[in-house]
C-alpha atoms as a PDB file:
ATOM      1  CA  MET A   1      26.358  87.791 108.141  1.00  0.00           C
ATOM      2  CA  ASN A   2      23.984  87.103 105.059  1.00  0.00           C
ATOM      3  CA  ILE A   3      24.952  89.684 101.951  1.00  0.00           C
ATOM      4  CA  TYR A   4      22.695  92.629 102.639  1.00  0.00           C
ATOM      5  CA  LYS A   5      24.643  92.199 106.108  1.00  0.00           C
ATOM      6  CA  ARG A   6      27.624  93.025 104.444  1.00  0.00           C
ATOM      7  CA  PHE A   7      26.477  95.573 102.613  1.00  0.00           C
ATOM      8  CA  VAL A   8      25.649  97.530 105.326  1.00  0.00           C
ATOM      9  CA  VAL A   9      28.460  96.537 107.421  1.00  0.00           C
ATOM     10  CA  ASN A  10      31.562  96.759 105.159  1.00  0.00           C
ATOM     11  CA  VAL A  11      30.161  99.422 102.647  1.00  0.00           C
ATOM     12  CA  LEU A  12      27.959 101.963 104.068  1.00  0.00           C
ATOM     13  CA  ALA A  13      29.271 102.040 107.569  1.00  0.00           C
ATOM     14  CA  ASN A  14      32.764 102.289 106.432  1.00  0.00           C
ATOM     15  CA  SER A  15      32.304 105.265 104.347  1.00  0.00           C
ATOM     16  CA  GLN A  16      34.823 108.322 105.883  1.00  0.00           C
ATOM     17  CA  TRP A  17      31.080 110.837 105.539  1.00  0.00           C
ATOM     18  CA  ILE A  18      29.190 108.413 108.039  1.00  0.00           C
ATOM     19  CA  PRO A  19      29.573 110.034 111.804  1.00  0.00           C
ATOM     20  CA  ILE A  20      31.034 107.242 114.138  1.00  0.00           C
ATOM     21  CA  LYS A  21      28.146 107.548 116.188  1.00  0.00           C
ATOM     22  CA  ILE A  22      25.998 106.625 113.043  1.00  0.00           C
ATOM     23  CA  ARG A  23      28.752 103.500 112.348  1.00  0.00           C
ATOM     24  CA  THR A  24      28.394 102.484 115.938  1.00  0.00           C
ATOM     25  CA  GLN A  25      24.564 102.266 115.281  1.00  0.00           C
ATOM     26  CA  LEU A  26      24.897 100.558 112.074  1.00  0.00           C
ATOM     27  CA  TYR A  27      27.444  97.670 113.026  1.00  0.00           C
ATOM     28  CA  ASN A  28      24.930  96.964 116.537  1.00  0.00           C
ATOM     29  CA  TRP A  29      22.147  96.643 114.048  1.00  0.00           C
ATOM     30  CA  MET A  30      23.741  94.473 112.424  1.00  0.00           C
ATOM     31  CA  GLY A  31      24.639  91.804 115.589  1.00  0.00           C
ATOM     32  CA  ILE A  32      28.189  93.585 115.912  1.00  0.00           C
ATOM     33  CA  LYS A  33      28.194  94.207 119.766  1.00  0.00           C
ATOM     34  CA  THR A  34      29.898  97.738 120.232  1.00  0.00           C
ATOM     35  CA  ASN A  35      28.696 100.580 122.661  1.00  0.00           C
ATOM     36  CA  GLN A  36      30.846 104.232 122.596  1.00  0.00           C
ATOM     37  CA  SER A  37      33.924 102.316 121.026  1.00  0.00           C
ATOM     38  CA  GLU A  38      35.053 104.446 117.929  1.00  0.00           C
ATOM     39  CA  ILE A  39      35.661 102.293 115.027  1.00  0.00           C
ATOM     40  CA  ARG A  40      37.072 104.310 111.869  1.00  0.00           C
ATOM     41  CA  PRO A  41      36.338 103.525 108.238  1.00  0.00           C
ATOM     42  CA  GLY A  42      37.782 100.739 105.827  1.00  0.00           C
ATOM     43  CA  CYS A  43      37.366  97.901 108.752  1.00  0.00           C
ATOM     44  CA  PHE A  44      36.318  94.907 107.735  1.00  0.00           C
ATOM     45  CA  PHE A  45      33.529  92.442 109.346  1.00  0.00           C
ATOM     46  CA  ASN A  46      32.734  88.804 107.807  1.00  0.00           C
ATOM     47  CA  SER A  47      30.144  88.021 110.970  1.00  0.00           C
ATOM     48  CA  GLU A  48      28.769  89.338 113.496  1.00  0.00           C
ATOM     49  CA  PHE A  49      30.461  87.345 115.847  1.00  0.00           C
ATOM     50  CA  VAL A  50      32.380  89.807 117.348  1.00  0.00           C
ATOM     51  CA  ASN A  51      31.694  91.770 120.828  1.00  0.00           C
ATOM     52  CA  ILE A  52      33.295  95.376 121.345  1.00  0.00           C
ATOM     53  CA  GLY A  53      34.152  96.361 125.050  1.00  0.00           C
ATOM     54  CA  THR A  54      33.073 100.195 126.151  1.00  0.00           C
ATOM     55  CA  LYS A  55      35.768 102.996 125.404  1.00  0.00           C
ATOM     56  CA  SER A  56      37.698 100.542 122.558  1.00  0.00           C
ATOM     57  CA  PHE A  57      39.618 102.630 119.991  1.00  0.00           C
ATOM     58  CA  ILE A  58      39.967 100.262 116.273  1.00  0.00           C
ATOM     59  CA  ASN A  59      42.164 101.719 113.677  1.00  0.00           C
ATOM     60  CA  PHE A  60      41.486 101.847 109.811  1.00  0.00           C
ATOM     61  CA  TYR A  61      41.507  98.734 107.946  1.00  0.00           C
ATOM     62  CA  SER A  62      41.591  96.465 111.276  1.00  0.00           C
ATOM     63  CA  GLN A  63      39.927  92.871 109.851  1.00  0.00           C
ATOM     64  CA  PHE A  64      37.485  90.363 111.651  1.00  0.00           C
ATOM     65  CA  HIS A  65      37.296  87.219 110.512  1.00  0.00           C
ATOM     66  CA  SER A  66      35.060  85.451 112.363  1.00  0.00           C
ATOM     67  CA  GLY A  67      33.426  82.894 110.276  1.00  0.00           C
ATOM     68  CA  TYR A  68      29.922  81.658 110.152  1.00  0.00           C
ATOM     69  CA  ASP A  69      29.911  79.675 113.757  1.00  0.00           C
ATOM     70  CA  GLU A  70      29.470  81.024 116.806  1.00  0.00           C
ATOM     71  CA  ARG A  71      32.366  79.019 118.132  1.00  0.00           C
ATOM     72  CA  GLY A  72      35.307  81.732 116.846  1.00  0.00           C
ATOM     73  CA  VAL A  73      33.515  84.681 118.722  1.00  0.00           C
ATOM     74  CA  ILE A  74      35.979  87.855 118.411  1.00  0.00           C
ATOM     75  CA  THR A  75      35.738  89.511 122.146  1.00  0.00           C
ATOM     76  CA  LEU A  76      37.509  93.135 122.737  1.00  0.00           C
ATOM     77  CA  GLY A  77      37.496  94.159 126.444  1.00  0.00           C
ATOM     78  CA  GLU A  78      37.713  97.532 127.551  1.00  0.00           C
ATOM     79  CA  ARG A  79      39.535 100.321 126.897  1.00  0.00           C
ATOM     80  CA  CYS A  80      41.438  98.405 123.836  1.00  0.00           C
ATOM     81  CA  TYR A  81      43.425  99.942 121.197  1.00  0.00           C
ATOM     82  CA  ILE A  82      43.831  98.215 118.222  1.00  0.00           C
ATOM     83  CA  GLY A  83      46.251  99.200 115.492  1.00  0.00           C
ATOM     84  CA  MET A  84      46.343  99.547 111.441  1.00  0.00           C
ATOM     85  CA  ASN A  85      45.426  96.857 109.674  1.00  0.00           C
ATOM     86  CA  VAL A  86      45.292  94.550 112.694  1.00  0.00           C
ATOM     87  CA  ASN A  87      44.023  90.709 111.618  1.00  0.00           C
ATOM     88  CA  PHE A  88      41.594  88.665 113.888  1.00  0.00           C
ATOM     89  CA  CYS A  89      41.344  85.200 112.534  1.00  0.00           C
ATOM     90  CA  THR A  90      39.273  83.180 114.762  1.00  0.00           C
ATOM     91  CA  ILE A  91      39.225  80.259 111.545  1.00  0.00           C
ATOM     92  CA  SER A  92      41.563  77.375 110.405  1.00  0.00           C
ATOM     93  CA  HIS A  93      41.582  73.907 109.197  1.00  0.00           C
ATOM     94  CA  GLU A  94      41.798  70.227 110.283  1.00  0.00           C
ATOM     95  CA  LEU A  95      45.160  68.991 108.267  1.00  0.00           C
ATOM     96  CA  GLY A  96      43.786  67.052 105.129  1.00  0.00           C
ATOM     97  CA  GLY A  97      45.235  64.487 102.776  1.00  0.00           C
ATOM     98  CA  PRO A  98      47.349  65.035 100.486  1.00  0.00           C
ATOM     99  CA  SER A  99      45.206  65.644  97.524  1.00  0.00           C
ATOM    100  CA  GLN A 100      44.017  68.760  99.457  1.00  0.00           C
ATOM    101  CA  ARG A 101      45.704  69.165 102.517  1.00  0.00           C
ATOM    102  CA  ALA A 102      43.523  72.189 103.772  1.00  0.00           C
ATOM    103  CA  GLY A 103      40.662  69.896 105.428  1.00  0.00           C
ATOM    104  CA  GLU A 104      37.059  71.025 107.254  1.00  0.00           C
ATOM    105  CA  ASN A 105      37.065  74.582 108.693  1.00  0.00           C
ATOM    106  CA  THR A 106      38.014  74.718 112.558  1.00  0.00           C
ATOM    107  CA  TYR A 107      37.060  77.908 115.130  1.00  0.00           C
ATOM    108  CA  LYS A 108      38.920  78.632 118.388  1.00  0.00           C
ATOM    109  CA  PRO A 109      37.647  82.231 119.871  1.00  0.00           C
ATOM    110  CA  ILE A 110      39.915  84.875 120.241  1.00  0.00           C
ATOM    111  CA  THR A 111      39.955  87.361 123.880  1.00  0.00           C
ATOM    112  CA  ILE A 112      41.695  90.252 124.132  1.00  0.00           C
ATOM    113  CA  GLY A 113      41.817  91.684 127.879  1.00  0.00           C
ATOM    114  CA  ASN A 114      40.587  95.087 129.184  1.00  0.00           C
ATOM    115  CA  GLY A 115      43.594  98.107 128.702  1.00  0.00           C
ATOM    116  CA  THR A 116      45.207  96.037 125.712  1.00  0.00           C
ATOM    117  CA  TRP A 117      47.036  98.065 122.961  1.00  0.00           C
ATOM    118  CA  ILE A 118      47.958  95.896 119.742  1.00  0.00           C
ATOM    119  CA  GLY A 119      50.083  97.296 116.966  1.00  0.00           C
ATOM    120  CA  ALA A 120      50.065  97.563 113.974  1.00  0.00           C
ATOM    121  CA  ASN A 121      49.885  95.072 111.063  1.00  0.00           C
ATOM    122  CA  SER A 122      49.756  92.485 113.889  1.00  0.00           C
ATOM    123  CA  ILE A 123      48.153  88.849 113.231  1.00  0.00           C
ATOM    124  CA  ILE A 124      46.357  87.172 115.859  1.00  0.00           C
ATOM    125  CA  LEU A 125      45.635  83.519 115.534  1.00  0.00           C
ATOM    126  CA  PRO A 126      42.552  80.797 116.131  1.00  0.00           C
ATOM    127  CA  GLY A 127      42.611  80.383 120.348  1.00  0.00           C
ATOM    128  CA  VAL A 128      44.590  83.368 121.483  1.00  0.00           C
ATOM    129  CA  GLU A 129      43.543  84.643 124.082  1.00  0.00           C
ATOM    130  CA  ILE A 130      45.601  87.795 125.450  1.00  0.00           C
ATOM    131  CA  ALA A 131      45.125  89.231 128.895  1.00  0.00           C
ATOM    132  CA  GLU A 132      44.304  92.800 130.397  1.00  0.00           C
ATOM    133  CA  GLY A 133      47.086  95.349 129.437  1.00  0.00           C
ATOM    134  CA  CYS A 134      49.674  93.366 127.469  1.00  0.00           C
ATOM    135  CA  VAL A 135      50.860  95.587 124.275  1.00  0.00           C
ATOM    136  CA  ILE A 136      51.419  93.557 121.092  1.00  0.00           C
ATOM    137  CA  ALA A 137      53.865  95.079 119.516  1.00  0.00           C
ATOM    138  CA  ALA A 138      53.552  96.054 115.206  1.00  0.00           C
ATOM    139  CA  GLY A 139      53.890  93.752 112.984  1.00  0.00           C
ATOM    140  CA  SER A 140      53.795  90.768 115.173  1.00  0.00           C
ATOM    141  CA  VAL A 141      52.127  87.309 114.700  1.00  0.00           C
ATOM    142  CA  VAL A 142      50.693  85.881 118.091  1.00  0.00           C
ATOM    143  CA  THR A 143      49.958  82.125 117.845  1.00  0.00           C
ATOM    144  CA  LYS A 144      49.429  81.683 121.923  1.00  0.00           C
ATOM    145  CA  ASP A 145      48.584  83.391 124.989  1.00  0.00           C
ATOM    146  CA  CYS A 146      49.700  86.437 126.457  1.00  0.00           C
ATOM    147  CA  GLU A 147      50.437  86.654 130.009  1.00  0.00           C
ATOM    148  CA  ALA A 148      49.140  90.075 131.343  1.00  0.00           C
ATOM    149  CA  ASN A 149      50.731  93.343 131.785  1.00  0.00           C
ATOM    150  CA  SER A 150      53.558  92.078 129.151  1.00  0.00           C
ATOM    151  CA  LEU A 151      55.239  92.967 126.221  1.00  0.00           C
ATOM    152  CA  TYR A 152      55.004  90.801 123.188  1.00  0.00           C
ATOM    153  CA  GLY A 153      56.699  91.081 119.809  1.00  0.00           C
ATOM    154  CA  GLY A 154      58.277  89.439 116.535  1.00  0.00           C
ATOM    155  CA  ASN A 155      56.971  86.418 114.894  1.00  0.00           C
ATOM    156  CA  PRO A 156      55.832  83.686 116.263  1.00  0.00           C
ATOM    157  CA  ALA A 157      55.573  86.489 119.161  1.00  0.00           C
ATOM    158  CA  ARG A 158      57.094  86.013 122.542  1.00  0.00           C
ATOM    159  CA  LYS A 159      57.113  87.561 125.686  1.00  0.00           C
ATOM    160  CA  ILE A 160      60.038  90.699 125.652  1.00  0.00           C
ATOM    161  CA  LYS A 161      59.694  91.905 129.271  1.00  0.00           C
ATOM    162  CA  ASP A 162      56.946  92.720 132.126  1.00  0.00           C
ATOM    163  CA  LEU A 163      55.204  95.974 132.053  1.00  0.00           C
ATOM    164  CA  PRO A 164      55.089  97.593 135.077  1.00  0.00           C
ATOM    165  CA  MET A 165      51.738  98.096 137.381  1.00  0.00           C
END
């Protein structure tokens, strides 16, 4: 995403004075795929490799770090609810030598299933797939895949229980 697109997405579209429908149109125009979703002001996108399913809700100050490589795409299913200040990060580094431990960038996609609810201040790390119907407790750090219709919480997030179907 070039500097102009970043300005439109992260400054203009993030104004609390911009109506939701116009904000959604600006995101789509800049390459972020979203349809009939509500994205609150203050969210940050560092690339256009983000797909947001229909009727999803993203609360204030969530961040989408998908990098500059399509291998790091972030995909949210339909009817996902994302709490405030949730961080999605598809970027990491290879382990480098002793003079610089952060080596070359690596990118792994994040996939969030339909109907998932992710609590405030959670962090979703590269390569994670959260299956449909999951609940991620607030403040969790998700480092591994999550089974469908389950509650996860903690750091690192662990399965707490199965949810009723």
